[in-house]
Amino acid sequence: MAFKHTSVLLTETVDGLKVKPDGIYVDATLGGGGHAYEVCTRLSDKGSFIGIDQDADAIKAADARLSGFGEKVTIIRSNYCDMKPRLHEIGIDKVDGIVLDLGVSSYQLDTAERGFSYRADAPLDMRMDQRQTMTARDIVNDYTEAELYRVIRDYGEDKFAKNIAKHIVMERAKGPIETTGQLNEVIRRAIPMKFQKVSGHPSKRTFQAIRIELNRELEVLRESLDDMIDMLNPGGRICIITFHSLEDRIVKSAFRKNENPCTCPSHFPVCVCGNESKGKVVTRKPILPGEEELQHNSRSKSAKLRIFERQ
């Protein structure tokens, strides 16, 4: 299956970077290279682009798509949490812009054997990096009921988390839950039918929760943002596209903290903590997809773009 993915908020994101033709830019979630391609078209021969992704299929697709840009492009297979040391290895300590598109790619969702989708029956996998040994199957079959409840409650924000966890544990007592289809059926039985009729697919939140837990998505984001902002040259920008409230909250909070890191009590007449601002939040409210994009790409409906500029 060809790697197909429609880049969300493409123009808004690349325009938001304010690309300098001779600058150094990083797409830390490269995917199929949609945002990357547009950035590269705006670079001169002196400009540099680095693409990072942990998915082998994405690396292969992006490598082919960006091949026409020659030596200005470097592609690295890695998680973006390791961006700082990986860039240091190739002699780069500062960059002029960073893109993070935190969505699961259409390719990952539509390739049944990757196990991301609740719409096809396939082995429970959900690994963004196929080198990882742990899979979604391990979480479903090995986590305690309390751990499953925590994951589904915190990362899926599902009000039926307790009942879903209970049903998973009951079902796996009969034998391992091996496939997305089996897990779908368990979740369906755990959620009252009247709620299924009005709340979309019953498995959506649980699948999201397990994927986030498996790939440490929120921890990686939370642990990486300050480092990425520190890597920006003055005037450099980081553009981040999120797809659910958990990610957006982390990004919004980190941007605000880096803009105003003062920890002094509000009644202090002057700041004495010594924490200095690293820049400014460009987007007081997130940029959302327009009507035309929403019509052509239904998966863009929950996307939000936030931008921070280093001073």
Protein backbone atom coordinates (compact mmCIF):
# COMPACT_ATOMS: atom_id res chain seq x y z
CA MET A 1 0.00 0.00 0.00
CA ALA A 2 1.33 3.42 -1.01
CA PHE A 3 1.99 5.89 1.82
CA LYS A 4 -0.85 8.39 1.45
CA HIS A 5 -1.42 11.24 3.85
CA THR A 6 -3.02 14.64 3.37
CA SER A 7 -1.11 17.24 5.37
CA VAL A 8 -3.40 19.23 7.63
CA LEU A 9 -3.18 23.04 7.83
CA LEU A 10 -0.38 22.89 5.25
CA THR A 11 -0.28 26.52 4.11
CA GLU A 12 -1.00 27.93 7.57
CA THR A 13 1.81 25.90 9.13
CA VAL A 14 4.49 26.65 6.54
CA ASP A 15 3.51 30.33 6.36
CA GLY A 16 3.64 30.37 10.17
CA LEU A 17 7.28 29.27 10.09
CA LYS A 18 8.27 32.42 8.17
CA VAL A 19 10.85 30.38 6.27
CA LYS A 20 14.20 32.11 5.67
CA PRO A 21 15.68 30.86 2.37
CA ASP A 22 19.10 30.18 3.95
CA GLY A 23 17.72 28.82 7.23
CA ILE A 24 17.75 25.40 8.88
CA TYR A 25 14.36 23.74 9.37
CA VAL A 26 13.21 20.53 11.02
CA ASP A 27 10.04 18.53 10.52
CA ALA A 28 10.17 16.34 13.62
CA THR A 29 7.17 14.21 12.60
CA LEU A 30 8.02 13.83 8.92
CA GLY A 31 5.26 11.44 7.86
CA GLY A 32 4.88 11.36 4.08
CA GLY A 33 6.72 14.66 3.72
CA GLY A 34 3.83 16.99 2.92
CA HIS A 35 4.84 19.90 5.15
CA ALA A 36 8.49 19.09 4.41
CA TYR A 37 8.05 19.42 0.66
CA GLU A 38 6.48 22.86 0.99
CA VAL A 39 9.26 24.03 3.34
CA CYS A 40 11.95 22.76 0.96
CA THR A 41 10.45 24.69 -1.99
CA ARG A 42 11.08 27.88 -0.01
CA LEU A 43 14.74 27.15 0.76
CA SER A 44 17.73 28.32 -1.27
CA ASP A 45 20.73 26.12 -2.04
CA LYS A 46 22.21 27.35 1.24
CA GLY A 47 19.17 26.28 3.25
CA SER A 48 18.94 22.96 5.09
CA PHE A 49 16.07 20.69 5.96
CA ILE A 50 16.08 17.79 8.43
CA GLY A 51 13.20 15.34 8.57
CA ILE A 52 12.73 13.07 11.58
CA ASP A 53 10.33 10.14 11.94
CA GLN A 54 10.35 6.83 13.80
CA ASP A 55 8.14 5.01 11.28
CA ALA A 56 10.10 3.06 8.64
CA ASP A 57 7.27 3.37 6.09
CA ALA A 58 7.16 7.15 6.55
CA ILE A 59 10.94 7.42 6.11
CA LYS A 60 10.78 5.49 2.85
CA ALA A 61 7.89 7.57 1.48
CA ALA A 62 9.38 10.92 2.49
CA ASP A 63 12.79 9.99 1.11
CA ALA A 64 11.22 9.39 -2.31
CA ARG A 65 9.09 12.54 -2.15
CA LEU A 66 11.99 14.81 -1.18
CA SER A 67 14.64 13.23 -3.39
CA GLY A 68 14.51 16.12 -5.86
CA PHE A 69 15.88 18.55 -3.28
CA GLY A 70 19.24 16.79 -3.14
CA GLU A 71 21.76 17.43 -0.42
CA LYS A 72 19.80 20.15 1.32
CA VAL A 73 17.65 17.35 2.83
CA THR A 74 18.73 15.01 5.64
CA ILE A 75 16.36 12.33 6.90
CA ILE A 76 16.81 10.67 10.29
CA ARG A 77 14.88 7.72 11.71
CA SER A 78 14.30 8.63 15.33
CA ASN A 79 11.72 9.81 17.84
CA TYR A 80 11.58 13.59 18.06
CA CYS A 81 12.37 13.38 21.77
CA ASP A 82 15.94 12.62 20.65
CA MET A 83 16.10 15.57 18.26
CA LYS A 84 18.74 17.48 20.20
CA PRO A 85 21.41 14.71 20.30
CA ARG A 86 20.58 13.48 16.79
CA LEU A 87 21.03 16.97 15.32
CA HIS A 88 24.20 17.46 17.38
CA GLU A 89 25.60 14.33 15.70
CA ILE A 90 25.36 16.06 12.31
CA GLY A 91 26.80 19.34 13.59
CA ILE A 92 23.57 21.26 14.19
CA ASP A 93 22.80 22.88 17.55
CA LYS A 94 20.44 25.67 16.50
CA VAL A 95 17.64 25.81 13.90
CA ASP A 96 15.30 28.43 12.47
CA GLY A 97 12.09 26.48 12.61
CA ILE A 98 10.47 23.25 13.77
CA VAL A 99 7.22 21.57 12.70
CA LEU A 100 5.37 18.98 14.77
CA ASP A 101 2.25 17.34 13.30
CA LEU A 102 1.06 15.11 16.12
CA GLY A 103 -1.66 13.26 14.23
CA VAL A 104 -1.63 9.60 13.27
CA SER A 105 -1.07 9.45 9.51
CA SER A 106 -3.83 8.35 7.14
CA TYR A 107 -1.47 5.59 6.01
CA GLN A 108 -1.16 4.24 9.54
CA LEU A 109 -4.92 4.31 10.02
CA ASP A 110 -5.73 2.82 6.61
CA THR A 111 -3.13 0.06 6.67
CA ALA A 112 -5.06 -2.59 8.57
CA GLU A 113 -2.05 -4.67 9.59
CA ARG A 114 -0.60 -1.74 11.55
CA GLY A 115 -3.45 -2.25 14.03
CA PHE A 116 -4.26 1.44 14.60
CA SER A 117 -7.81 1.35 13.25
CA TYR A 118 -10.96 0.06 14.91
CA ARG A 119 -12.57 -0.16 11.46
CA ALA A 120 -10.63 -3.23 10.29
CA ASP A 121 -9.82 -6.55 11.95
CA ALA A 122 -6.06 -6.94 12.38
CA PRO A 123 -3.47 -7.89 15.00
CA LEU A 124 -3.37 -5.47 17.94
CA ASP A 125 -0.19 -3.55 17.14
CA MET A 126 -0.33 0.30 17.11
CA ARG A 127 3.47 0.77 17.20
CA MET A 128 4.63 3.99 15.56
CA ASP A 129 8.16 2.58 15.63
CA GLN A 130 8.16 -1.00 14.39
CA ARG A 131 11.48 -1.62 16.18
CA GLN A 132 9.65 -1.42 19.49
CA THR A 133 8.92 -4.84 20.97
CA MET A 134 5.89 -3.94 23.06
CA THR A 135 2.55 -3.74 21.20
CA ALA A 136 -1.04 -2.84 21.99
CA ARG A 137 -1.68 -6.55 22.53
CA ASP A 138 0.65 -6.46 25.55
CA ILE A 139 -1.24 -3.57 27.12
CA VAL A 140 -4.64 -5.17 26.57
CA ASN A 141 -3.59 -8.56 27.92
CA ASP A 142 -0.99 -7.72 30.58
CA TYR A 143 -2.10 -4.50 32.27
CA THR A 144 -4.09 -4.88 35.47
CA GLU A 145 -7.72 -3.78 35.50
CA ALA A 146 -6.71 -0.68 37.48
CA GLU A 147 -4.00 0.19 34.94
CA LEU A 148 -6.38 -0.27 32.02
CA TYR A 149 -8.93 1.93 33.76
CA ARG A 150 -6.32 4.66 34.29
CA VAL A 151 -5.20 4.57 30.63
CA ILE A 152 -8.72 4.65 29.18
CA ARG A 153 -9.88 7.30 31.66
CA ASP A 154 -6.87 9.61 31.34
CA TYR A 155 -5.97 9.23 27.67
CA GLY A 156 -9.35 8.32 26.20
CA GLU A 157 -11.44 10.51 28.52
CA ASP A 158 -14.15 7.85 28.25
CA LYS A 159 -16.81 7.95 30.95
CA PHE A 160 -17.24 4.19 30.59
CA ALA A 161 -13.53 3.53 31.24
CA LYS A 162 -14.17 1.47 34.37
CA ASN A 163 -16.67 -0.81 32.64
CA ILE A 164 -14.48 -1.18 29.54
CA ALA A 165 -11.49 -2.20 31.68
CA LYS A 166 -13.68 -4.68 33.57
CA HIS A 167 -14.95 -6.26 30.33
CA ILE A 168 -11.42 -6.52 28.89
CA VAL A 169 -10.23 -8.40 31.96
CA MET A 170 -13.29 -10.69 31.89
CA GLU A 171 -12.80 -11.49 28.20
CA ARG A 172 -9.06 -12.17 28.38
CA ALA A 173 -9.67 -14.65 31.21
CA LYS A 174 -11.15 -16.90 28.50
CA GLY A 175 -8.10 -16.44 26.26
CA PRO A 176 -5.83 -13.65 24.93
CA ILE A 177 -7.38 -10.73 23.05
CA GLU A 178 -5.32 -10.79 19.85
CA THR A 179 -7.04 -8.55 17.30
CA THR A 180 -8.67 -5.14 16.88
CA GLY A 181 -11.91 -6.93 16.02
CA GLN A 182 -11.93 -8.82 19.31
CA LEU A 183 -11.21 -5.65 21.28
CA ASN A 184 -13.95 -3.82 19.35
CA GLU A 185 -16.48 -6.43 20.37
CA VAL A 186 -15.47 -6.23 24.04
CA ILE A 187 -15.79 -2.43 24.05
CA ARG A 188 -19.14 -2.59 22.27
CA ARG A 189 -20.53 -4.83 25.01
CA ALA A 190 -19.23 -2.49 27.72
CA ILE A 191 -21.00 0.65 26.47
CA PRO A 192 -24.81 1.02 26.62
CA MET A 193 -26.38 1.03 23.15
CA LYS A 194 -28.17 4.35 23.70
CA PHE A 195 -24.78 6.06 24.08
CA GLN A 196 -23.29 4.27 21.06
CA LYS A 197 -26.00 5.78 18.86
CA VAL A 198 -25.09 9.37 19.74
CA SER A 199 -21.38 9.26 20.57
CA GLY A 200 -19.73 7.95 17.40
CA HIS A 201 -17.80 4.70 17.21
CA PRO A 202 -17.65 3.09 20.69
CA SER A 203 -13.99 2.08 20.29
CA LYS A 204 -12.60 5.45 19.26
CA ARG A 205 -11.60 6.68 22.71
CA THR A 206 -10.20 3.37 23.96
CA PHE A 207 -8.09 2.84 20.82
CA GLN A 208 -6.75 6.39 21.17
CA ALA A 209 -5.91 5.76 24.82
CA ILE A 210 -4.04 2.52 24.16
CA ARG A 211 -2.09 4.07 21.28
CA ILE A 212 -1.07 7.06 23.41
CA GLU A 213 0.04 4.79 26.26
CA LEU A 214 1.98 2.43 24.00
CA ASN A 215 3.88 5.16 22.17
CA ARG A 216 4.30 7.43 25.23
CA GLU A 217 2.90 10.26 23.13
CA LEU A 218 2.06 12.72 25.88
CA GLU A 219 5.20 12.11 27.93
CA VAL A 220 7.39 12.56 24.85
CA LEU A 221 5.62 15.82 23.97
CA ARG A 222 5.79 17.16 27.51
CA GLU A 223 9.48 16.27 27.92
CA SER A 224 10.56 17.67 24.52
CA LEU A 225 8.96 21.10 24.18
CA ASP A 226 11.40 23.13 26.29
CA ASP A 227 14.41 21.60 24.51
CA MET A 228 12.93 22.37 21.11
CA ILE A 229 12.25 25.98 22.03
CA ASP A 230 15.84 26.24 23.35
CA MET A 231 17.14 25.00 19.99
CA LEU A 232 15.54 27.87 18.06
CA ASN A 233 17.63 30.78 16.82
CA PRO A 234 16.32 34.28 17.66
CA GLY A 235 13.24 34.82 15.52
CA GLY A 236 12.91 31.09 14.93
CA ARG A 237 9.47 29.53 15.21
CA ILE A 238 7.95 26.22 16.28
CA CYS A 239 4.60 25.26 14.74
CA ILE A 240 2.66 22.43 16.40
CA ILE A 241 -0.51 20.78 15.12
CA THR A 242 -2.51 18.86 17.73
CA PHE A 243 -5.57 16.66 17.28
CA HIS A 244 -7.05 16.29 20.74
CA SER A 245 -7.38 18.32 23.91
CA LEU A 246 -4.73 16.40 25.88
CA GLU A 247 -1.98 17.38 23.42
CA ASP A 248 -3.29 20.90 22.95
CA ARG A 249 -3.30 21.56 26.69
CA ILE A 250 0.36 20.52 26.97
CA VAL A 251 1.41 22.73 24.05
CA LYS A 252 -0.62 25.72 25.23
CA SER A 253 0.80 25.45 28.75
CA ALA A 254 4.41 25.05 27.57
CA PHE A 255 4.17 28.03 25.22
CA ARG A 256 2.71 30.23 27.97
CA LYS A 257 5.36 29.12 30.47
CA ASN A 258 8.18 29.91 28.02
CA GLU A 259 6.66 33.31 27.27
CA ASN A 260 6.15 34.19 30.92
CA PRO A 261 8.23 31.94 33.21
CA CYS A 262 8.04 34.22 36.23
CA THR A 263 7.24 32.29 39.41
CA CYS A 264 6.96 35.30 41.73
CA PRO A 265 3.72 35.71 43.72
CA SER A 266 1.28 38.03 41.97
CA HIS A 267 1.49 40.63 44.76
CA PHE A 268 5.25 41.19 44.25
CA PRO A 269 5.83 44.65 42.75
CA VAL A 270 8.78 43.42 40.64
CA CYS A 271 10.08 40.06 39.45
CA VAL A 272 12.85 38.63 41.64
CA CYS A 273 12.88 34.99 40.47
CA GLY A 274 15.23 35.74 37.58
CA ASN A 275 13.35 33.61 35.04
CA GLU A 276 13.50 35.30 31.64
CA SER A 277 11.07 35.01 28.77
CA LYS A 278 12.25 32.91 25.84
CA GLY A 279 9.90 34.45 23.32
CA LYS A 280 6.25 35.05 22.51
CA VAL A 281 3.15 33.07 21.69
CA VAL A 282 2.18 34.06 18.14
CA THR A 283 -1.24 32.38 18.26
CA ARG A 284 -3.32 33.65 21.18
CA LYS A 285 -6.05 31.38 19.85
CA PRO A 286 -5.19 28.29 17.79
CA ILE A 287 -5.48 28.38 14.01
CA LEU A 288 -8.20 26.01 12.80
CA PRO A 289 -8.85 24.46 9.37
CA GLY A 290 -11.03 26.49 7.01
CA GLU A 291 -14.31 25.33 5.50
CA GLU A 292 -12.67 24.17 2.27
CA GLU A 293 -10.15 21.98 4.07
CA LEU A 294 -12.85 20.53 6.32
CA GLN A 295 -14.86 19.55 3.26
CA HIS A 296 -11.92 17.88 1.52
CA ASN A 297 -10.30 16.23 4.56
CA SER A 298 -12.63 15.11 7.35
CA ARG A 299 -9.65 14.09 9.49
CA SER A 300 -8.69 17.76 9.84
CA LYS A 301 -11.76 18.66 11.89
CA SER A 302 -10.06 18.41 15.30
CA ALA A 303 -6.75 19.97 14.23
CA LYS A 304 -5.34 23.03 16.02
CA LEU A 305 -2.17 24.91 15.12
CA ARG A 306 -0.21 26.86 17.73
CA ILE A 307 2.97 28.87 17.03
CA PHE A 308 5.75 30.16 19.30
CA GLU A 309 8.55 32.55 18.29
CA ARG A 310 11.95 32.62 20.01
CA GLN A 311 13.30 36.01 20.98
